[in-house]
Amino acid sequence: MQVTETTKPDYGHLLPDRHSQRELFICDVADAVLKDIMQHMEHPFYALSKRPDTAIRRYEHKGQWLEITPSVKGLATIYDKDILIYCISQIMAKLKRNEPVTQHVRITARDLLIFTNRGTSGPEYDALEEAIDRLAGTRISTNIQTGQGEEYGNFGLIDRGQVYRKPRGADGRKGRLVWCEVSLSDWVFRAIRAQEVLTLHPDYFRLRKPLEKRIYEVARKHCGQQAKWMISLPNLLKKTGARSPEKRFRQMIRGLATSNHLPDYVLTLDEDDMVTFVNRNTMSPSPELPQSRLHLSEEAYARARGIAPGWDVYAIEADWRSWMASGPGELPRDADAAFLGFCKHWAERKRDNTIKR
């Protein structure tokens, strides 16, 4: 579809770009490309309302199921997810530069607020602490795959969150939040390691309504760089996780189609309640790295821990993928066997170096 004046997004319906002069803060934040893991775009993990939601949710679709249990502070919201998008974007930027990464990400509060197009007043800083509490408190049980492994059991979106504030003032008020540290769950970090991520449009953080963010995520995951993608209104309602009645949801979709401000896609709704997303052709082609197609099983990770006890298997995996990227480009037929063979030689080298010392 050729982009014309009628297919260009109506920027008047987007939030203003609050921090257009990106050079005023550190380069690695300014240059990071927005990234999100595919599983978070495919399934409705997050609440679409800022009001506390403490109800347990369960979704099932084509054999995959997802159960979300919030804490007493409520389910993590799609606004809280901005913190994870920041972390994922920073990790992917480091991987692109061949820098070491871990599950622990330290965040300067101001950088995060600027990256996510938020204000930088006191309440915005306080909101970050509340968001980390909800992310840490929200528990997930699912059989959705990451890295071609199924995760049964209970885990969090993040394993831990820590914040550091300036000292309290003379009036006893809490000091401003300076930085926070987030430890991503194994499940999320494994998806990053397997490069199960997609790039988001920079205007994602300028979308005003939570439903608009969620609809964009669904379109980005399913339509991608195809010319168009269609889905029935009831199925789209299910995928978004919206709690609105179908009649109200239909009105919101029509409003979004009329306003025409969704990044990357033109949205239409026909009389048969079929929603169509048409690619605006605003995305840059992103060639896939051959080694990103290799997925490891849960058994491979478990065996790797036995081969290299006490070492971070994800760090070893990063070395393995970097080693393959620097090679002739031929992919192994059995990714598990190739990785475990690399682990064996890696562990032997570490032991030899320890003995020599």
Protein backbone atom coordinates (compact mmCIF):
# COMPACT_ATOMS: atom_id res chain seq x y z
CA MET A 1 0.00 0.00 0.00
CA GLN A 2 1.43 3.36 -1.04
CA VAL A 3 1.56 5.94 1.77
CA THR A 4 -0.56 8.99 0.93
CA GLU A 5 -1.81 11.97 2.90
CA THR A 6 -4.86 9.94 3.92
CA THR A 7 -2.78 7.03 5.17
CA LYS A 8 -0.31 9.09 7.19
CA PRO A 9 -1.07 9.08 10.93
CA ASP A 10 -2.88 12.08 12.38
CA TYR A 11 -0.24 13.33 14.82
CA GLY A 12 -2.74 15.71 16.40
CA HIS A 13 -4.19 12.80 18.38
CA LEU A 14 -0.82 11.83 19.87
CA LEU A 15 0.72 13.16 23.06
CA PRO A 16 3.33 15.88 22.48
CA ASP A 17 6.96 14.82 22.35
CA ARG A 18 7.98 16.13 25.77
CA HIS A 19 11.71 15.59 25.30
CA SER A 20 12.50 16.26 21.65
CA GLN A 21 16.09 17.37 22.37
CA ARG A 22 17.48 13.92 23.05
CA GLU A 23 21.07 15.19 23.16
CA LEU A 24 20.43 16.59 26.62
CA PHE A 25 20.73 13.13 28.18
CA ILE A 26 23.10 10.21 27.84
CA CYS A 27 23.65 8.77 24.38
CA ASP A 28 23.02 5.09 25.12
CA VAL A 29 19.48 5.96 26.25
CA ALA A 30 18.85 8.30 23.34
CA ASP A 31 20.08 5.81 20.74
CA ALA A 32 18.32 2.71 22.09
CA VAL A 33 15.59 1.39 19.79
CA LEU A 34 12.27 0.52 21.46
CA LYS A 35 12.03 -3.24 21.85
CA ASP A 36 9.47 -5.59 23.40
CA ILE A 37 9.36 -9.38 23.67
CA MET A 38 6.86 -11.07 21.38
CA GLN A 39 5.04 -12.92 24.16
CA HIS A 40 4.11 -9.61 25.85
CA MET A 41 2.70 -8.36 22.54
CA GLU A 42 0.84 -11.56 21.72
CA HIS A 43 -0.99 -12.06 25.02
CA PRO A 44 -2.78 -9.72 27.47
CA PHE A 45 -0.42 -9.73 30.45
CA TYR A 46 -1.23 -6.20 31.62
CA ALA A 47 -4.22 -4.27 32.92
CA LEU A 48 -5.51 -1.50 30.67
CA SER A 49 -6.64 0.68 33.57
CA LYS A 50 -4.72 2.57 36.24
CA ARG A 51 -7.33 1.59 38.82
CA PRO A 52 -6.20 -1.34 41.02
CA ASP A 53 -7.27 -4.66 39.51
CA THR A 54 -6.91 -7.58 41.93
CA ALA A 55 -8.90 -10.18 39.99
CA ILE A 56 -7.15 -13.34 38.77
CA ARG A 57 -7.22 -13.57 34.97
CA ARG A 58 -6.95 -16.65 32.77
CA TYR A 59 -6.70 -16.71 28.97
CA GLU A 60 -6.66 -19.69 26.63
CA HIS A 61 -6.03 -19.60 22.90
CA LYS A 62 -5.12 -22.47 20.54
CA GLY A 63 -3.69 -24.66 23.27
CA GLN A 64 -1.77 -21.89 25.03
CA TRP A 65 -2.93 -20.69 28.42
CA LEU A 66 -1.99 -17.84 30.67
CA GLU A 67 -3.04 -17.21 34.27
CA ILE A 68 -2.17 -13.90 35.93
CA THR A 69 -2.42 -13.40 39.68
CA PRO A 70 -2.03 -9.81 40.89
CA SER A 71 -0.80 -8.73 44.31
CA VAL A 72 -2.96 -6.78 46.76
CA LYS A 73 -1.62 -3.63 45.06
CA GLY A 74 -3.16 -4.72 41.78
CA LEU A 75 -2.17 -6.16 38.43
CA ALA A 76 0.78 -4.59 36.60
CA THR A 77 -0.58 -2.09 34.06
CA ILE A 78 0.41 -1.39 30.48
CA TYR A 79 1.99 1.83 31.80
CA ASP A 80 4.11 -0.22 34.23
CA LYS A 81 5.24 -2.24 31.22
CA ASP A 82 7.12 0.85 30.01
CA ILE A 83 9.81 -0.04 32.56
CA LEU A 84 10.27 -3.48 30.99
CA ILE A 85 10.36 -1.99 27.48
CA TYR A 86 13.13 0.31 28.70
CA CYS A 87 15.09 -2.62 30.17
CA ILE A 88 14.60 -4.81 27.08
CA SER A 89 15.64 -1.93 24.79
CA GLN A 90 18.81 -1.28 26.80
CA ILE A 91 19.78 -4.96 26.86
CA MET A 92 19.22 -5.36 23.12
CA ALA A 93 21.28 -2.21 22.45
CA LYS A 94 24.15 -3.69 24.47
CA LEU A 95 23.90 -7.03 22.68
CA LYS A 96 24.10 -5.19 19.37
CA ARG A 97 27.34 -3.56 20.58
CA ASN A 98 28.63 -6.98 21.76
CA GLU A 99 28.66 -5.80 25.37
CA PRO A 100 28.01 -8.18 28.31
CA VAL A 101 24.49 -8.17 29.73
CA THR A 102 22.80 -9.59 32.82
CA GLN A 103 19.27 -9.84 34.14
CA HIS A 104 19.96 -6.94 36.48
CA VAL A 105 19.34 -3.50 34.98
CA ARG A 106 20.08 -0.30 36.89
CA ILE A 107 17.93 2.59 35.73
CA THR A 108 18.46 6.28 36.30
CA ALA A 109 14.95 7.50 37.05
CA ARG A 110 15.19 10.66 34.96
CA ASP A 111 16.50 8.74 31.93
CA LEU A 112 13.56 6.34 32.17
CA LEU A 113 11.03 9.17 32.37
CA ILE A 114 12.54 10.88 29.34
CA PHE A 115 12.79 7.63 27.36
CA THR A 116 9.10 6.87 27.98
CA ASN A 117 7.96 10.44 27.17
CA ARG A 118 6.77 11.16 30.70
CA GLY A 119 6.98 14.29 32.78
CA THR A 120 9.81 14.75 35.27
CA SER A 121 7.89 16.18 38.23
CA GLY A 122 7.72 14.63 41.71
CA PRO A 123 4.58 12.50 41.17
CA GLU A 124 6.15 10.87 38.08
CA TYR A 125 9.09 9.68 40.18
CA ASP A 126 6.76 8.31 42.88
CA ALA A 127 4.77 6.46 40.21
CA LEU A 128 7.90 4.51 39.23
CA GLU A 129 8.20 2.99 42.68
CA GLU A 130 4.53 1.96 42.64
CA ALA A 131 4.97 0.45 39.15
CA ILE A 132 7.93 -1.65 40.31
CA ASP A 133 5.85 -2.94 43.22
CA ARG A 134 3.09 -4.06 40.84
CA LEU A 135 5.54 -5.66 38.39
CA ALA A 136 7.21 -7.61 41.19
CA GLY A 137 3.88 -8.60 42.74
CA THR A 138 2.22 -9.85 39.55
CA ARG A 139 2.69 -13.61 39.19
CA ILE A 140 2.40 -15.61 35.97
CA SER A 141 1.63 -19.26 35.25
CA THR A 142 1.72 -20.26 31.59
CA ASN A 143 2.77 -22.77 28.95
CA ILE A 144 3.70 -20.00 26.49
CA GLN A 145 7.08 -20.69 24.97
CA THR A 146 10.22 -18.58 25.21
CA GLY A 147 13.34 -19.90 23.55
CA GLN A 148 11.31 -22.96 22.48
CA GLY A 149 10.76 -24.01 26.08
CA GLU A 150 7.51 -24.21 28.03
CA GLU A 151 7.33 -22.57 31.45
CA TYR A 152 5.01 -24.29 33.89
CA GLY A 153 4.77 -22.90 37.37
CA ASN A 154 4.66 -19.50 38.96
CA PHE A 155 7.05 -16.64 38.29
CA GLY A 156 7.06 -12.86 38.16
CA LEU A 157 7.52 -10.32 35.41
CA ILE A 158 10.50 -9.18 37.45
CA ASP A 159 12.18 -11.08 40.26
CA ARG A 160 13.15 -8.06 42.29
CA GLY A 161 12.99 -4.29 42.32
CA GLN A 162 15.05 -1.87 44.37
CA VAL A 163 14.90 1.93 44.55
CA TYR A 164 17.28 4.55 45.90
CA ARG A 165 16.04 7.96 47.03
CA LYS A 166 17.72 11.12 48.19
CA PRO A 167 17.66 11.66 51.99
CA ARG A 168 14.42 12.82 53.55
CA GLY A 169 13.95 16.55 53.88
CA ALA A 170 13.65 18.49 57.13
CA ASP A 171 9.86 18.20 56.80
CA GLY A 172 10.10 14.38 56.83
CA ARG A 173 9.04 13.93 53.22
CA LYS A 174 10.62 11.21 51.11
CA GLY A 175 13.50 12.31 48.92
CA ARG A 176 13.26 12.10 45.15
CA LEU A 177 13.85 8.70 43.56
CA VAL A 178 17.30 8.76 41.93
CA TRP A 179 17.69 5.27 40.52
CA CYS A 180 16.09 1.87 40.60
CA GLU A 181 17.36 -1.61 39.84
CA VAL A 182 15.24 -4.28 38.24
CA SER A 183 16.05 -7.99 38.08
CA LEU A 184 14.22 -9.50 35.11
CA SER A 185 12.70 -12.94 35.53
CA ASP A 186 14.36 -15.92 33.83
CA TRP A 187 11.32 -16.20 31.57
CA VAL A 188 11.66 -12.63 30.26
CA PHE A 189 15.45 -12.78 30.03
CA ARG A 190 15.33 -16.06 28.12
CA ALA A 191 13.05 -14.45 25.52
CA ILE A 192 15.56 -11.62 25.13
CA ARG A 193 18.44 -14.08 24.79
CA ALA A 194 16.53 -15.95 22.09
CA GLN A 195 16.01 -12.57 20.37
CA GLU A 196 12.24 -13.05 20.46
CA VAL A 197 11.78 -9.29 20.28
CA LEU A 198 10.21 -6.78 17.92
CA THR A 199 10.93 -3.09 17.36
CA LEU A 200 8.25 -0.61 18.38
CA HIS A 201 7.54 2.71 16.67
CA PRO A 202 9.01 5.70 18.59
CA ASP A 203 5.48 7.14 18.85
CA TYR A 204 4.36 4.18 20.99
CA PHE A 205 4.97 6.31 24.10
CA ARG A 206 2.91 9.14 22.58
CA LEU A 207 -0.29 7.09 22.39
CA ARG A 208 -2.77 8.58 24.86
CA LYS A 209 -4.95 5.61 25.77
CA PRO A 210 -3.94 2.19 27.11
CA LEU A 211 -6.19 0.42 24.59
CA GLU A 212 -4.39 2.20 21.74
CA LYS A 213 -1.06 0.88 23.05
CA ARG A 214 -2.43 -2.64 23.30
CA ILE A 215 -3.99 -2.60 19.82
CA TYR A 216 -0.70 -1.38 18.36
CA GLU A 217 1.13 -4.24 20.10
CA VAL A 218 -1.28 -6.81 18.66
CA ALA A 219 -0.94 -5.33 15.17
CA ARG A 220 2.85 -5.15 15.40
CA LYS A 221 3.04 -8.79 16.45
CA HIS A 222 0.57 -10.24 13.94
CA CYS A 223 0.66 -7.90 10.95
CA GLY A 224 4.34 -7.08 11.29
CA GLN A 225 5.69 -6.06 7.89
CA GLN A 226 2.97 -7.84 5.92
CA ALA A 227 0.81 -5.72 3.61
CA LYS A 228 -2.25 -6.31 5.79
CA TRP A 229 -3.74 -8.51 8.49
CA MET A 230 -7.39 -9.18 9.42
CA ILE A 231 -9.02 -10.29 12.66
CA SER A 232 -12.61 -10.44 13.85
CA LEU A 233 -13.72 -7.87 16.40
CA PRO A 234 -14.51 -10.50 19.11
CA ASN A 235 -11.04 -12.07 18.71
CA LEU A 236 -9.37 -8.68 18.85
CA LEU A 237 -11.29 -7.90 22.03
CA LYS A 238 -10.04 -11.17 23.54
CA LYS A 239 -6.44 -10.51 22.50
CA THR A 240 -6.37 -7.02 23.96
CA GLY A 241 -7.63 -8.19 27.34
CA ALA A 242 -10.01 -5.21 27.47
CA ARG A 243 -12.88 -5.55 29.95
CA SER A 244 -15.28 -3.42 27.90
CA PRO A 245 -18.52 -4.89 26.49
CA GLU A 246 -18.28 -5.72 22.80
CA LYS A 247 -20.60 -2.83 21.88
CA ARG A 248 -18.37 -0.31 23.64
CA PHE A 249 -15.22 -1.92 22.20
CA ARG A 250 -16.68 -1.60 18.68
CA GLN A 251 -17.22 2.13 19.27
CA MET A 252 -13.62 2.56 20.42
CA ILE A 253 -12.29 0.73 17.36
CA ARG A 254 -14.39 2.92 15.07
CA GLY A 255 -13.06 5.99 16.84
CA LEU A 256 -9.48 4.81 16.38
CA ALA A 257 -10.16 4.11 12.69
CA THR A 258 -11.55 7.62 12.26
CA SER A 259 -8.73 9.36 14.09
CA ASN A 260 -6.15 7.42 12.03
CA HIS A 261 -3.24 7.97 14.40
CA LEU A 262 -2.05 4.41 15.07
CA PRO A 263 1.70 4.18 14.30
CA ASP A 264 2.78 1.91 11.42
CA TYR A 265 -0.77 0.78 10.53
CA VAL A 266 -4.06 2.04 9.12
CA LEU A 267 -7.00 0.42 10.91
CA THR A 268 -10.45 -0.16 9.38
CA LEU A 269 -13.65 -1.86 10.61
CA ASP A 270 -16.19 -3.19 8.12
CA GLU A 271 -19.87 -4.02 8.48
CA ASP A 272 -19.08 -7.68 9.21
CA ASP A 273 -17.04 -6.71 12.29
CA MET A 274 -13.75 -7.56 10.61
CA VAL A 275 -10.84 -5.37 11.65
CA THR A 276 -8.12 -4.86 9.04
CA PHE A 277 -4.64 -3.47 9.70
CA VAL A 278 -2.87 -2.13 6.62
CA ASN A 279 0.88 -1.52 6.72
CA ARG A 280 1.78 2.17 6.31
CA ASN A 281 5.27 1.09 5.08
CA THR A 282 6.90 3.20 7.77
CA MET A 283 9.05 0.41 9.23
CA SER A 284 12.67 -0.10 8.24
CA PRO A 285 13.47 -3.63 7.09
CA SER A 286 15.22 -5.54 9.84
CA PRO A 287 17.11 -8.54 8.41
CA GLU A 288 17.16 -11.47 10.79
CA LEU A 289 20.50 -12.64 12.12
CA PRO A 290 20.87 -16.34 11.20
CA GLN A 291 21.84 -17.34 14.74
CA SER A 292 18.66 -15.73 16.12
CA ARG A 293 16.69 -18.60 14.57
CA LEU A 294 18.37 -21.07 16.92
CA HIS A 295 16.30 -21.95 19.97
CA LEU A 296 17.40 -23.93 22.98
CA SER A 297 15.24 -26.34 24.97
CA GLU A 298 14.72 -26.20 28.72
CA GLU A 299 16.64 -29.47 28.98
CA ALA A 300 19.65 -27.81 27.30
CA TYR A 301 19.69 -25.02 29.87
CA ALA A 302 19.42 -27.56 32.71
CA ARG A 303 22.27 -29.69 31.32
CA ALA A 304 24.39 -26.58 30.75
CA ARG A 305 24.06 -25.71 34.45
CA GLY A 306 25.42 -29.15 35.26
CA ILE A 307 28.32 -28.79 32.81
CA ALA A 308 29.28 -25.33 34.10
CA PRO A 309 28.05 -25.24 37.72
CA GLY A 310 28.08 -21.82 39.34
CA TRP A 311 28.29 -19.96 36.02
CA ASP A 312 25.59 -17.90 34.28
CA VAL A 313 24.33 -20.12 31.46
CA TYR A 314 22.81 -17.10 29.71
CA ALA A 315 26.22 -15.42 29.62
CA ILE A 316 27.68 -18.60 28.13
CA GLU A 317 24.85 -18.62 25.59
CA ALA A 318 25.72 -15.03 24.62
CA ASP A 319 29.34 -16.09 24.01
CA TRP A 320 28.13 -19.03 21.94
CA ARG A 321 25.88 -16.85 19.77
CA SER A 322 28.65 -14.25 19.34
CA TRP A 323 31.08 -17.01 18.37
CA MET A 324 28.65 -18.30 15.74
CA ALA A 325 28.03 -14.79 14.42
CA SER A 326 31.77 -14.35 13.82
CA GLY A 327 31.99 -17.68 11.97
CA PRO A 328 31.05 -18.72 8.42
CA GLY A 329 27.34 -18.43 9.15
CA GLU A 330 26.37 -22.11 8.80
CA LEU A 331 23.78 -23.08 11.41
CA PRO A 332 24.05 -26.35 13.33
CA ARG A 333 21.33 -28.93 12.75
CA ASP A 334 20.98 -29.61 16.48
CA ALA A 335 21.16 -26.33 18.43
CA ASP A 336 21.04 -28.08 21.84
CA ALA A 337 23.97 -30.36 21.01
CA ALA A 338 26.02 -27.48 19.55
CA PHE A 339 25.40 -25.31 22.60
CA LEU A 340 26.23 -28.08 25.07
CA GLY A 341 29.43 -28.87 23.19
CA PHE A 342 30.40 -25.20 23.41
CA CYS A 343 29.56 -25.23 27.15
CA LYS A 344 31.86 -28.20 27.70
CA HIS A 345 34.82 -26.51 26.02
CA TRP A 346 33.98 -23.21 27.75
CA ALA A 347 33.93 -24.84 31.20
CA GLU A 348 37.16 -26.71 30.49
CA ARG A 349 38.92 -23.46 29.54
CA LYS A 350 37.69 -21.82 32.74
CA ARG A 351 38.95 -24.73 34.84
CA ASP A 352 42.35 -24.70 33.07
CA ASN A 353 42.69 -20.96 33.67
CA THR A 354 41.85 -21.43 37.35
CA ILE A 355 44.48 -24.21 37.73
CA LYS A 356 47.18 -22.08 36.02
CA ARG A 357 46.56 -19.27 38.47
